[in-house]
Amino acid sequence: MREREGLIARIRQIRRASAEADERALPATGGPGRDELRALEARIAHLEHAVQGLQDSVHRESTRLSKRIGHLEARTQPAALGRALSEDARQRGL
């Protein structure tokens, strides 16, 4: 019975020492300070702005390329290609 009580006392002592070490490791404020939070909010706002700019840029480029591809597809249709070849032959005098 005494062995059991001694073992329980040792376990409690180890747990208390561990809890005290954990408390000492935490900052006194219990978390990041207000200045740190403001800095993080500013960084997040900057990143959100950068992502929005990137999305706008990708959309503009995608729209531009879609128009270009559409124009090239229209020029390579058989009827359009035939007209372009005929016009070129007339201009060259063939």
PDB file of N, CA and C in Angstrom:
ATOM      1  N   MET A   1       0.811  -1.178   0.000  1.00  0.00           N
ATOM      2  CA  MET A   1       0.000   0.000   0.000  1.00  0.00           C
ATOM      3  C   MET A   1       0.870   1.263   0.000  1.00  0.00           C
ATOM      4  N   ARG A   2       1.951   1.243   0.792  1.00  0.00           N
ATOM      5  CA  ARG A   2       2.845   2.386   0.859  1.00  0.00           C
ATOM      6  C   ARG A   2       3.555   2.611  -0.466  1.00  0.00           C
ATOM      7  N   GLU A   3       3.872   1.536  -1.162  1.00  0.00           N
ATOM      8  CA  GLU A   3       4.526   1.659  -2.468  1.00  0.00           C
ATOM      9  C   GLU A   3       3.617   2.388  -3.452  1.00  0.00           C
ATOM     10  N   ARG A   4       2.347   2.036  -3.378  1.00  0.00           N
ATOM     11  CA  ARG A   4       1.374   2.658  -4.282  1.00  0.00           C
ATOM     12  C   ARG A   4       1.270   4.150  -3.993  1.00  0.00           C
ATOM     13  N   GLU A   5       1.182   4.535  -2.730  1.00  0.00           N
ATOM     14  CA  GLU A   5       1.087   5.951  -2.356  1.00  0.00           C
ATOM     15  C   GLU A   5       2.348   6.699  -2.770  1.00  0.00           C
ATOM     16  N   GLY A   6       3.489   6.071  -2.612  1.00  0.00           N
ATOM     17  CA  GLY A   6       4.745   6.691  -3.019  1.00  0.00           C
ATOM     18  C   GLY A   6       4.808   6.896  -4.530  1.00  0.00           C
ATOM     19  N   LEU A   7       4.326   5.901  -5.261  1.00  0.00           N
ATOM     20  CA  LEU A   7       4.290   5.997  -6.721  1.00  0.00           C
ATOM     21  C   LEU A   7       3.354   7.111  -7.168  1.00  0.00           C
ATOM     22  N   ILE A   8       2.181   7.203  -6.545  1.00  0.00           N
ATOM     23  CA  ILE A   8       1.217   8.263  -6.876  1.00  0.00           C
ATOM     24  C   ILE A   8       1.824   9.630  -6.558  1.00  0.00           C
ATOM     25  N   ALA A   9       2.525   9.745  -5.448  1.00  0.00           N
ATOM     26  CA  ALA A   9       3.149  11.011  -5.074  1.00  0.00           C
ATOM     27  C   ALA A   9       4.210  11.411  -6.088  1.00  0.00           C
ATOM     28  N   ARG A  10       5.001  10.462  -6.567  1.00  0.00           N
ATOM     29  CA  ARG A  10       6.018  10.756  -7.580  1.00  0.00           C
ATOM     30  C   ARG A  10       5.381  11.201  -8.890  1.00  0.00           C
ATOM     31  N   ILE A  11       4.311  10.519  -9.280  1.00  0.00           N
ATOM     32  CA  ILE A  11       3.607  10.893 -10.525  1.00  0.00           C
ATOM     33  C   ILE A  11       3.066  12.308 -10.415  1.00  0.00           C
ATOM     34  N   ARG A  12       2.477  12.649  -9.253  1.00  0.00           N
ATOM     35  CA  ARG A  12       1.943  14.000  -9.059  1.00  0.00           C
ATOM     36  C   ARG A  12       3.064  15.041  -9.114  1.00  0.00           C
ATOM     37  N   GLN A  13       4.190  14.716  -8.528  1.00  0.00           N
ATOM     38  CA  GLN A  13       5.325  15.626  -8.520  1.00  0.00           C
ATOM     39  C   GLN A  13       5.834  15.868  -9.946  1.00  0.00           C
ATOM     40  N   ILE A  14       5.916  14.818 -10.725  1.00  0.00           N
ATOM     41  CA  ILE A  14       6.368  14.942 -12.114  1.00  0.00           C
ATOM     42  C   ILE A  14       5.368  15.769 -12.929  1.00  0.00           C
ATOM     43  N   ARG A  15       4.094  15.542 -12.703  1.00  0.00           N
ATOM     44  CA  ARG A  15       3.068  16.292 -13.439  1.00  0.00           C
ATOM     45  C   ARG A  15       3.106  17.769 -13.068  1.00  0.00           C
ATOM     46  N   ARG A  16       3.282  18.067 -11.784  1.00  0.00           N
ATOM     47  CA  ARG A  16       3.359  19.464 -11.349  1.00  0.00           C
ATOM     48  C   ARG A  16       4.572  20.152 -11.980  1.00  0.00           C
ATOM     49  N   ALA A  17       5.700  19.477 -11.966  1.00  0.00           N
ATOM     50  CA  ALA A  17       6.916  20.057 -12.546  1.00  0.00           C
ATOM     51  C   ALA A  17       6.728  20.299 -14.042  1.00  0.00           C
ATOM     52  N   SER A  18       6.073  19.376 -14.718  1.00  0.00           N
ATOM     53  CA  SER A  18       5.819  19.531 -16.148  1.00  0.00           C
ATOM     54  C   SER A  18       4.872  20.697 -16.407  1.00  0.00           C
ATOM     55  N   ALA A  19       3.814  20.820 -15.577  1.00  0.00           N
ATOM     56  CA  ALA A  19       2.857  21.913 -15.739  1.00  0.00           C
ATOM     57  C   ALA A  19       3.519  23.257 -15.486  1.00  0.00           C
ATOM     58  N   GLU A  20       4.390  23.324 -14.479  1.00  0.00           N
ATOM     59  CA  GLU A  20       5.098  24.572 -14.189  1.00  0.00           C
ATOM     60  C   GLU A  20       6.026  24.953 -15.336  1.00  0.00           C
ATOM     61  N   ALA A  21       6.693  23.988 -15.910  1.00  0.00           N
ATOM     62  CA  ALA A  21       7.584  24.264 -17.042  1.00  0.00           C
ATOM     63  C   ALA A  21       6.781  24.768 -18.236  1.00  0.00           C
ATOM     64  N   ASP A  22       5.606  24.197 -18.473  1.00  0.00           N
ATOM     65  CA  ASP A  22       4.752  24.650 -19.574  1.00  0.00           C
ATOM     66  C   ASP A  22       4.285  26.080 -19.350  1.00  0.00           C
ATOM     67  N   GLU A  23       3.939  26.415 -18.092  1.00  0.00           N
ATOM     68  CA  GLU A  23       3.483  27.769 -17.787  1.00  0.00           C
ATOM     69  C   GLU A  23       4.611  28.779 -17.979  1.00  0.00           C
ATOM     70  N   ARG A  24       5.829  28.405 -17.616  1.00  0.00           N
ATOM     71  CA  ARG A  24       6.959  29.308 -17.788  1.00  0.00           C
ATOM     72  C   ARG A  24       7.277  29.523 -19.268  1.00  0.00           C
ATOM     73  N   ALA A  25       6.997  28.531 -20.085  1.00  0.00           N
ATOM     74  CA  ALA A  25       7.295  28.637 -21.512  1.00  0.00           C
ATOM     75  C   ALA A  25       6.318  29.572 -22.224  1.00  0.00           C
ATOM     76  N   LEU A  26       5.102  29.743 -21.715  1.00  0.00           N
ATOM     77  CA  LEU A  26       4.105  30.615 -22.339  1.00  0.00           C
ATOM     78  C   LEU A  26       4.423  32.073 -22.030  1.00  0.00           C
ATOM     79  N   PRO A  27       4.168  32.981 -22.983  1.00  0.00           N
ATOM     80  CA  PRO A  27       4.373  34.402 -22.703  1.00  0.00           C
ATOM     81  C   PRO A  27       3.368  34.888 -21.660  1.00  0.00           C
ATOM     82  N   ALA A  28       3.705  35.976 -21.008  1.00  0.00           N
ATOM     83  CA  ALA A  28       2.860  36.505 -19.938  1.00  0.00           C
ATOM     84  C   ALA A  28       1.504  36.954 -20.446  1.00  0.00           C
ATOM     85  N   THR A  29       1.415  37.412 -21.695  1.00  0.00           N
ATOM     86  CA  THR A  29       0.148  37.901 -22.226  1.00  0.00           C
ATOM     87  C   THR A  29      -0.785  36.769 -22.592  1.00  0.00           C
ATOM     88  N   GLY A  30      -0.297  35.564 -22.678  1.00  0.00           N
ATOM     89  CA  GLY A  30      -1.145  34.434 -23.019  1.00  0.00           C
ATOM     90  C   GLY A  30      -1.305  34.257 -24.517  1.00  0.00           C
ATOM     91  N   GLY A  31      -0.643  35.047 -25.312  1.00  0.00           N
ATOM     92  CA  GLY A  31      -0.742  34.945 -26.763  1.00  0.00           C
ATOM     93  C   GLY A  31      -0.003  36.097 -27.407  1.00  0.00           C
ATOM     94  N   PRO A  32      -0.138  36.219 -28.705  1.00  0.00           N
ATOM     95  CA  PRO A  32       0.567  37.303 -29.389  1.00  0.00           C
ATOM     96  C   PRO A  32       0.062  38.662 -28.918  1.00  0.00           C
ATOM     97  N   GLY A  33       0.947  39.627 -28.865  1.00  0.00           N
ATOM     98  CA  GLY A  33       0.570  40.975 -28.449  1.00  0.00           C
ATOM     99  C   GLY A  33      -0.221  41.687 -29.528  1.00  0.00           C
ATOM    100  N   ARG A  34      -0.761  42.829 -29.136  1.00  0.00           N
ATOM    101  CA  ARG A  34      -1.584  43.601 -30.080  1.00  0.00           C
ATOM    102  C   ARG A  34      -0.773  44.075 -31.279  1.00  0.00           C
ATOM    103  N   ASP A  35       0.454  44.468 -31.022  1.00  0.00           N
ATOM    104  CA  ASP A  35       1.305  44.928 -32.133  1.00  0.00           C
ATOM    105  C   ASP A  35       1.554  43.797 -33.125  1.00  0.00           C
ATOM    106  N   GLU A  36       1.778  42.608 -32.612  1.00  0.00           N
ATOM    107  CA  GLU A  36       1.994  41.455 -33.490  1.00  0.00           C
ATOM    108  C   GLU A  36       0.736  41.145 -34.294  1.00  0.00           C
ATOM    109  N   LEU A  37      -0.420  41.245 -33.645  1.00  0.00           N
ATOM    110  CA  LEU A  37      -1.672  40.990 -34.363  1.00  0.00           C
ATOM    111  C   LEU A  37      -1.898  42.025 -35.457  1.00  0.00           C
ATOM    112  N   ARG A  38      -1.613  43.290 -35.156  1.00  0.00           N
ATOM    113  CA  ARG A  38      -1.765  44.339 -36.179  1.00  0.00           C
ATOM    114  C   ARG A  38      -0.815  44.102 -37.346  1.00  0.00           C
ATOM    115  N   ALA A  39       0.397  43.686 -37.034  1.00  0.00           N
ATOM    116  CA  ALA A  39       1.372  43.404 -38.095  1.00  0.00           C
ATOM    117  C   ALA A  39       0.885  42.236 -38.956  1.00  0.00           C
ATOM    118  N   LEU A  40       0.355  41.204 -38.311  1.00  0.00           N
ATOM    119  CA  LEU A  40      -0.170  40.066 -39.075  1.00  0.00           C
ATOM    120  C   LEU A  40      -1.364  40.472 -39.925  1.00  0.00           C
ATOM    121  N   GLU A  41      -2.249  41.298 -39.374  1.00  0.00           N
ATOM    122  CA  GLU A  41      -3.409  41.768 -40.148  1.00  0.00           C
ATOM    123  C   GLU A  41      -2.950  42.573 -41.358  1.00  0.00           C
ATOM    124  N   ALA A  42      -1.927  43.408 -41.163  1.00  0.00           N
ATOM    125  CA  ALA A  42      -1.407  44.203 -42.285  1.00  0.00           C
ATOM    126  C   ALA A  42      -0.805  43.296 -43.349  1.00  0.00           C
ATOM    127  N   ARG A  43      -0.076  42.272 -42.928  1.00  0.00           N
ATOM    128  CA  ARG A  43       0.517  41.334 -43.885  1.00  0.00           C
ATOM    129  C   ARG A  43      -0.561  40.583 -44.645  1.00  0.00           C
ATOM    130  N   ILE A  44      -1.608  40.160 -43.938  1.00  0.00           N
ATOM    131  CA  ILE A  44      -2.702  39.436 -44.594  1.00  0.00           C
ATOM    132  C   ILE A  44      -3.410  40.342 -45.586  1.00  0.00           C
ATOM    133  N   ALA A  45      -3.651  41.592 -45.198  1.00  0.00           N
ATOM    134  CA  ALA A  45      -4.303  42.540 -46.119  1.00  0.00           C
ATOM    135  C   ALA A  45      -3.438  42.736 -47.364  1.00  0.00           C
ATOM    136  N   HIS A  46      -2.127  42.852 -47.169  1.00  0.00           N
ATOM    137  CA  HIS A  46      -1.224  43.011 -48.319  1.00  0.00           C
ATOM    138  C   HIS A  46      -1.282  41.781 -49.219  1.00  0.00           C
ATOM    139  N   LEU A  47      -1.267  40.599 -48.617  1.00  0.00           N
ATOM    140  CA  LEU A  47      -1.326  39.368 -49.411  1.00  0.00           C
ATOM    141  C   LEU A  47      -2.651  39.240 -50.148  1.00  0.00           C
ATOM    142  N   GLU A  48      -3.746  39.610 -49.500  1.00  0.00           N
ATOM    143  CA  GLU A  48      -5.051  39.570 -50.175  1.00  0.00           C
ATOM    144  C   GLU A  48      -5.054  40.502 -51.372  1.00  0.00           C
ATOM    145  N   HIS A  49      -4.479  41.689 -51.200  1.00  0.00           N
ATOM    146  CA  HIS A  49      -4.413  42.648 -52.308  1.00  0.00           C
ATOM    147  C   HIS A  49      -3.569  42.086 -53.457  1.00  0.00           C
ATOM    148  N   ALA A  50      -2.459  41.464 -53.114  1.00  0.00           N
ATOM    149  CA  ALA A  50      -1.591  40.877 -54.137  1.00  0.00           C
ATOM    150  C   ALA A  50      -2.305  39.744 -54.880  1.00  0.00           C
ATOM    151  N   VAL A  51      -3.046  38.924 -54.160  1.00  0.00           N
ATOM    152  CA  VAL A  51      -3.778  37.819 -54.794  1.00  0.00           C
ATOM    153  C   VAL A  51      -4.865  38.365 -55.719  1.00  0.00           C
ATOM    154  N   GLN A  52      -5.555  39.419 -55.287  1.00  0.00           N
ATOM    155  CA  GLN A  52      -6.573  40.021 -56.146  1.00  0.00           C
ATOM    156  C   GLN A  52      -5.947  40.579 -57.417  1.00  0.00           C
ATOM    157  N   GLY A  53      -4.796  41.221 -57.285  1.00  0.00           N
ATOM    158  CA  GLY A  53      -4.091  41.730 -58.465  1.00  0.00           C
ATOM    159  C   GLY A  53      -3.686  40.604 -59.396  1.00  0.00           C
ATOM    160  N   LEU A  54      -3.220  39.510 -58.830  1.00  0.00           N
ATOM    161  CA  LEU A  54      -2.840  38.355 -59.634  1.00  0.00           C
ATOM    162  C   LEU A  54      -4.050  37.767 -60.352  1.00  0.00           C
ATOM    163  N   GLN A  55      -5.172  37.672 -59.651  1.00  0.00           N
ATOM    164  CA  GLN A  55      -6.387  37.157 -60.278  1.00  0.00           C
ATOM    165  C   GLN A  55      -6.819  38.056 -61.437  1.00  0.00           C
ATOM    166  N   ASP A  56      -6.771  39.368 -61.238  1.00  0.00           N
ATOM    167  CA  ASP A  56      -7.129  40.300 -62.310  1.00  0.00           C
ATOM    168  C   ASP A  56      -6.200  40.136 -63.505  1.00  0.00           C
ATOM    169  N   SER A  57      -4.925  40.008 -63.240  1.00  0.00           N
ATOM    170  CA  SER A  57      -3.944  39.852 -64.313  1.00  0.00           C
ATOM    171  C   SER A  57      -4.179  38.565 -65.090  1.00  0.00           C
ATOM    172  N   VAL A  58      -4.425  37.482 -64.377  1.00  0.00           N
ATOM    173  CA  VAL A  58      -4.684  36.195 -65.036  1.00  0.00           C
ATOM    174  C   VAL A  58      -5.961  36.281 -65.869  1.00  0.00           C
ATOM    175  N   HIS A  59      -6.985  36.955 -65.351  1.00  0.00           N
ATOM    176  CA  HIS A  59      -8.237  37.092 -66.102  1.00  0.00           C
ATOM    177  C   HIS A  59      -8.023  37.902 -67.374  1.00  0.00           C
ATOM    178  N   ARG A  60      -7.296  39.024 -67.261  1.00  0.00           N
ATOM    179  CA  ARG A  60      -7.027  39.847 -68.454  1.00  0.00           C
ATOM    180  C   ARG A  60      -6.253  39.061 -69.502  1.00  0.00           C
ATOM    181  N   GLU A  61      -5.228  38.344 -69.064  1.00  0.00           N
ATOM    182  CA  GLU A  61      -4.413  37.564 -70.008  1.00  0.00           C
ATOM    183  C   GLU A  61      -5.232  36.454 -70.647  1.00  0.00           C
ATOM    184  N   SER A  62      -6.070  35.801 -69.856  1.00  0.00           N
ATOM    185  CA  SER A  62      -6.916  34.734 -70.372  1.00  0.00           C
ATOM    186  C   SER A  62      -7.895  35.275 -71.414  1.00  0.00           C
ATOM    187  N   THR A  63      -8.474  36.428 -71.121  1.00  0.00           N
ATOM    188  CA  THR A  63      -9.405  37.052 -72.071  1.00  0.00           C
ATOM    189  C   THR A  63      -8.683  37.431 -73.360  1.00  0.00           C
ATOM    190  N   ARG A  64      -7.492  38.014 -73.225  1.00  0.00           N
ATOM    191  CA  ARG A  64      -6.716  38.417 -74.404  1.00  0.00           C
ATOM    192  C   ARG A  64      -6.360  37.203 -75.261  1.00  0.00           C
ATOM    193  N   LEU A  65      -5.905  36.131 -74.622  1.00  0.00           N
ATOM    194  CA  LEU A  65      -5.540  34.932 -75.374  1.00  0.00           C
ATOM    195  C   LEU A  65      -6.759  34.266 -76.009  1.00  0.00           C
ATOM    196  N   SER A  66      -7.885  34.288 -75.322  1.00  0.00           N
ATOM    197  CA  SER A  66      -9.107  33.712 -75.896  1.00  0.00           C
ATOM    198  C   SER A  66      -9.520  34.460 -77.163  1.00  0.00           C
ATOM    199  N   LYS A  67      -9.432  35.792 -77.128  1.00  0.00           N
ATOM    200  CA  LYS A  67      -9.764  36.579 -78.313  1.00  0.00           C
ATOM    201  C   LYS A  67      -8.792  36.276 -79.453  1.00  0.00           C
ATOM    202  N   ARG A  68      -7.507  36.186 -79.119  1.00  0.00           N
ATOM    203  CA  ARG A  68      -6.505  35.899 -80.149  1.00  0.00           C
ATOM    204  C   ARG A  68      -6.730  34.525 -80.766  1.00  0.00           C
ATOM    205  N   ILE A  69      -6.998  33.544 -79.942  1.00  0.00           N
ATOM    206  CA  ILE A  69      -7.253  32.194 -80.450  1.00  0.00           C
ATOM    207  C   ILE A  69      -8.501  32.178 -81.321  1.00  0.00           C
ATOM    208  N   GLY A  70      -9.533  32.893 -80.888  1.00  0.00           N
ATOM    209  CA  GLY A  70     -10.753  32.981 -81.693  1.00  0.00           C
ATOM    210  C   GLY A  70     -10.491  33.610 -83.047  1.00  0.00           C
ATOM    211  N   HIS A  71      -9.680  34.663 -83.054  1.00  0.00           N
ATOM    212  CA  HIS A  71      -9.339  35.328 -84.316  1.00  0.00           C
ATOM    213  C   HIS A  71      -8.543  34.381 -85.227  1.00  0.00           C
ATOM    214  N   LEU A  72      -7.572  33.662 -84.650  1.00  0.00           N
ATOM    215  CA  LEU A  72      -6.780  32.723 -85.451  1.00  0.00           C
ATOM    216  C   LEU A  72      -7.638  31.569 -85.970  1.00  0.00           C
ATOM    217  N   GLU A  73      -8.564  31.081 -85.167  1.00  0.00           N
ATOM    218  CA  GLU A  73      -9.455  30.006 -85.631  1.00  0.00           C
ATOM    219  C   GLU A  73     -10.332  30.488 -86.780  1.00  0.00           C
ATOM    220  N   ALA A  74     -10.799  31.735 -86.677  1.00  0.00           N
ATOM    221  CA  ALA A  74     -11.631  32.276 -87.750  1.00  0.00           C
ATOM    222  C   ALA A  74     -10.827  32.405 -89.048  1.00  0.00           C
ATOM    223  N   ARG A  75      -9.558  32.782 -88.937  1.00  0.00           N
ATOM    224  CA  ARG A  75      -8.721  32.937 -90.131  1.00  0.00           C
ATOM    225  C   ARG A  75      -8.347  31.600 -90.760  1.00  0.00           C
ATOM    226  N   THR A  76      -8.384  30.528 -89.999  1.00  0.00           N
ATOM    227  CA  THR A  76      -7.980  29.228 -90.543  1.00  0.00           C
ATOM    228  C   THR A  76      -9.169  28.357 -90.942  1.00  0.00           C
ATOM    229  N   GLN A  77     -10.366  28.918 -90.926  1.00  0.00           N
ATOM    230  CA  GLN A  77     -11.522  28.176 -91.431  1.00  0.00           C
ATOM    231  C   GLN A  77     -11.333  27.988 -92.937  1.00  0.00           C
ATOM    232  N   PRO A  78     -11.780  26.887 -93.485  1.00  0.00           N
ATOM    233  CA  PRO A  78     -11.553  26.633 -94.920  1.00  0.00           C
ATOM    234  C   PRO A  78     -12.007  27.772 -95.828  1.00  0.00           C
ATOM    235  N   ALA A  79     -13.191  28.319 -95.581  1.00  0.00           N
ATOM    236  CA  ALA A  79     -13.694  29.399 -96.442  1.00  0.00           C
ATOM    237  C   ALA A  79     -12.812  30.638 -96.319  1.00  0.00           C
ATOM    238  N   ALA A  80     -12.450  31.002 -95.109  1.00  0.00           N
ATOM    239  CA  ALA A  80     -11.614  32.187 -94.893  1.00  0.00           C
ATOM    240  C   ALA A  80     -10.222  31.968 -95.467  1.00  0.00           C
ATOM    241  N   LEU A  81      -9.707  30.783 -95.310  1.00  0.00           N
ATOM    242  CA  LEU A  81      -8.383  30.468 -95.846  1.00  0.00           C
ATOM    243  C   LEU A  81      -8.400  30.520 -97.378  1.00  0.00           C
ATOM    244  N   GLY A  82      -9.466  30.010 -97.997  1.00  0.00           N
ATOM    245  CA  GLY A  82      -9.604  30.062 -99.456  1.00  0.00           C
ATOM    246  C   GLY A  82      -9.649  31.494 -99.959  1.00  0.00           C
ATOM    247  N   ARG A  83     -10.420  32.345 -99.263  1.00  0.00           N
ATOM    248  CA  ARG A  83     -10.496  33.761 -99.655  1.00  0.00           C
ATOM    249  C   ARG A  83      -9.129  34.432 -99.528  1.00  0.00           C
ATOM    250  N   ALA A  84      -8.426  34.144 -98.447  1.00  0.00           N
ATOM    251  CA  ALA A  84      -7.117  34.759 -98.226  1.00  0.00           C
ATOM    252  C   ALA A  84      -6.122  34.315 -99.294  1.00  0.00           C
ATOM    253  N   LEU A  85      -6.169  33.040 -99.689  1.00  0.00           N
ATOM    254  CA  LEU A  85      -5.268  32.549-100.728  1.00  0.00           C
ATOM    255  C   LEU A  85      -5.603  33.177-102.078  1.00  0.00           C
ATOM    256  N   SER A  86      -6.888  33.311-102.381  1.00  0.00           N
ATOM    257  CA  SER A  86      -7.297  33.941-103.639  1.00  0.00           C
ATOM    258  C   SER A  86      -6.857  35.398-103.683  1.00  0.00           C
ATOM    259  N   GLU A  87      -7.055  36.100-102.581  1.00  0.00           N
ATOM    260  CA  GLU A  87      -6.652  37.504-102.510  1.00  0.00           C
ATOM    261  C   GLU A  87      -5.139  37.629-102.680  1.00  0.00           C
ATOM    262  N   ASP A  88      -4.396  36.756-102.068  1.00  0.00           N
ATOM    263  CA  ASP A  88      -2.929  36.778-102.191  1.00  0.00           C
ATOM    264  C   ASP A  88      -2.507  36.484-103.636  1.00  0.00           C
ATOM    265  N   ALA A  89      -3.182  35.541-104.273  1.00  0.00           N
ATOM    266  CA  ALA A  89      -2.843  35.196-105.667  1.00  0.00           C
ATOM    267  C   ALA A  89      -3.123  36.382-106.573  1.00  0.00           C
ATOM    268  N   ARG A  90      -4.236  37.082-106.340  1.00  0.00           N
ATOM    269  CA  ARG A  90      -4.572  38.254-107.155  1.00  0.00           C
ATOM    270  C   ARG A  90      -3.555  39.361-106.961  1.00  0.00           C
ATOM    271  N   GLN A  91      -3.133  39.579-105.702  1.00  0.00           N
ATOM    272  CA  GLN A  91      -2.164  40.632-105.432  1.00  0.00           C
ATOM    273  C   GLN A  91      -0.809  40.346-106.064  1.00  0.00           C
ATOM    274  N   ARG A  92      -0.435  39.091-106.135  1.00  0.00           N
ATOM    275  CA  ARG A  92       0.861  38.716-106.699  1.00  0.00           C
ATOM    276  C   ARG A  92       0.786  38.560-108.229  1.00  0.00           C
ATOM    277  N   GLY A  93      -0.415  38.512-108.747  1.00  0.00           N
ATOM    278  CA  GLY A  93      -0.581  38.390-110.187  1.00  0.00           C
ATOM    279  C   GLY A  93      -0.422  36.961-110.676  1.00  0.00           C
ATOM    280  N   LEU A  94      -0.761  36.033-109.843  1.00  0.00           N
ATOM    281  CA  LEU A  94      -0.629  34.626-110.249  1.00  0.00           C
ATOM    282  C   LEU A  94      -1.881  34.125-110.939  1.00  0.00           C
TER     283      LEU A  94
END
